[in-house]
Protein backbone atom coordinates (compact mmCIF):
# COMPACT_ATOMS: atom_id res chain seq x y z
CA UNK A 1 -5.66 12.87 -18.88
CA UNK A 2 -3.99 9.81 -20.10
CA UNK A 3 -2.94 7.45 -17.37
CA UNK A 4 0.67 7.44 -18.39
CA UNK A 5 1.08 11.10 -17.99
CA UNK A 6 -0.75 11.22 -14.69
CA UNK A 7 1.63 8.35 -13.38
CA UNK A 8 4.39 9.91 -15.03
CA UNK A 9 3.61 13.12 -13.06
CA UNK A 10 2.97 11.54 -9.77
CA UNK A 11 6.49 9.75 -9.48
CA UNK A 12 8.17 13.23 -10.66
CA UNK A 13 6.34 14.76 -7.90
CA UNK A 14 7.05 12.20 -4.62
CA UNK A 15 9.77 10.16 -6.53
CA UNK A 16 7.77 6.94 -6.34
CA UNK A 17 5.23 5.03 -8.61
CA UNK A 18 1.52 4.94 -7.41
CA UNK A 19 1.57 1.11 -7.55
CA UNK A 20 4.87 1.62 -4.75
CA UNK A 21 2.72 4.30 -2.82
CA UNK A 22 -0.24 1.79 -3.08
CA UNK A 23 1.78 -1.00 -1.59
CA UNK A 24 3.43 1.21 1.05
CA UNK A 25 -0.46 1.91 2.77
CA UNK A 26 -0.99 -1.30 2.21
CA UNK A 27 1.88 -2.03 4.83
CA UNK A 28 0.98 0.92 6.80
CA UNK A 29 -2.29 -0.35 7.54
CA UNK A 30 -1.19 -4.28 8.10
CA UNK A 31 1.44 -3.06 10.90
CA UNK A 32 -1.13 -0.65 12.66
CA UNK A 33 -3.57 -3.96 12.74
CA UNK A 34 -1.47 -6.12 14.08
CA UNK A 35 0.11 -3.11 16.81
CA UNK A 36 -3.74 -2.60 17.81
CA UNK A 37 -5.77 -5.16 17.27
CA UNK A 38 -5.65 -8.96 18.42
CA UNK A 39 -6.68 -10.27 14.77
CA UNK A 40 -3.85 -13.52 13.75
CA UNK A 41 -1.12 -12.02 11.41
CA UNK A 42 -2.46 -14.29 8.09
CA UNK A 43 -5.72 -12.50 8.73
CA UNK A 44 -3.85 -9.31 9.23
CA UNK A 45 -2.34 -9.77 5.57
CA UNK A 46 -5.43 -11.28 3.83
CA UNK A 47 -7.05 -7.92 5.37
CA UNK A 48 -4.11 -5.71 3.90
CA UNK A 49 -4.23 -7.36 0.67
CA UNK A 50 -0.51 -8.91 0.90
CA UNK A 51 0.02 -12.32 -0.89
CA UNK A 52 1.69 -14.88 0.70
């Protein structure tokens, strides 16, 4: 299946793009790290792939 068709189907089912889904998962992961670990926020951002 072509990537463009897969992306369109994903968005029609879930209501947001694959990229938005990936960003939300990274933010959720970062939030959990901040709440549950002593790791500094700068390091959490680097681990979760959040650009500064």
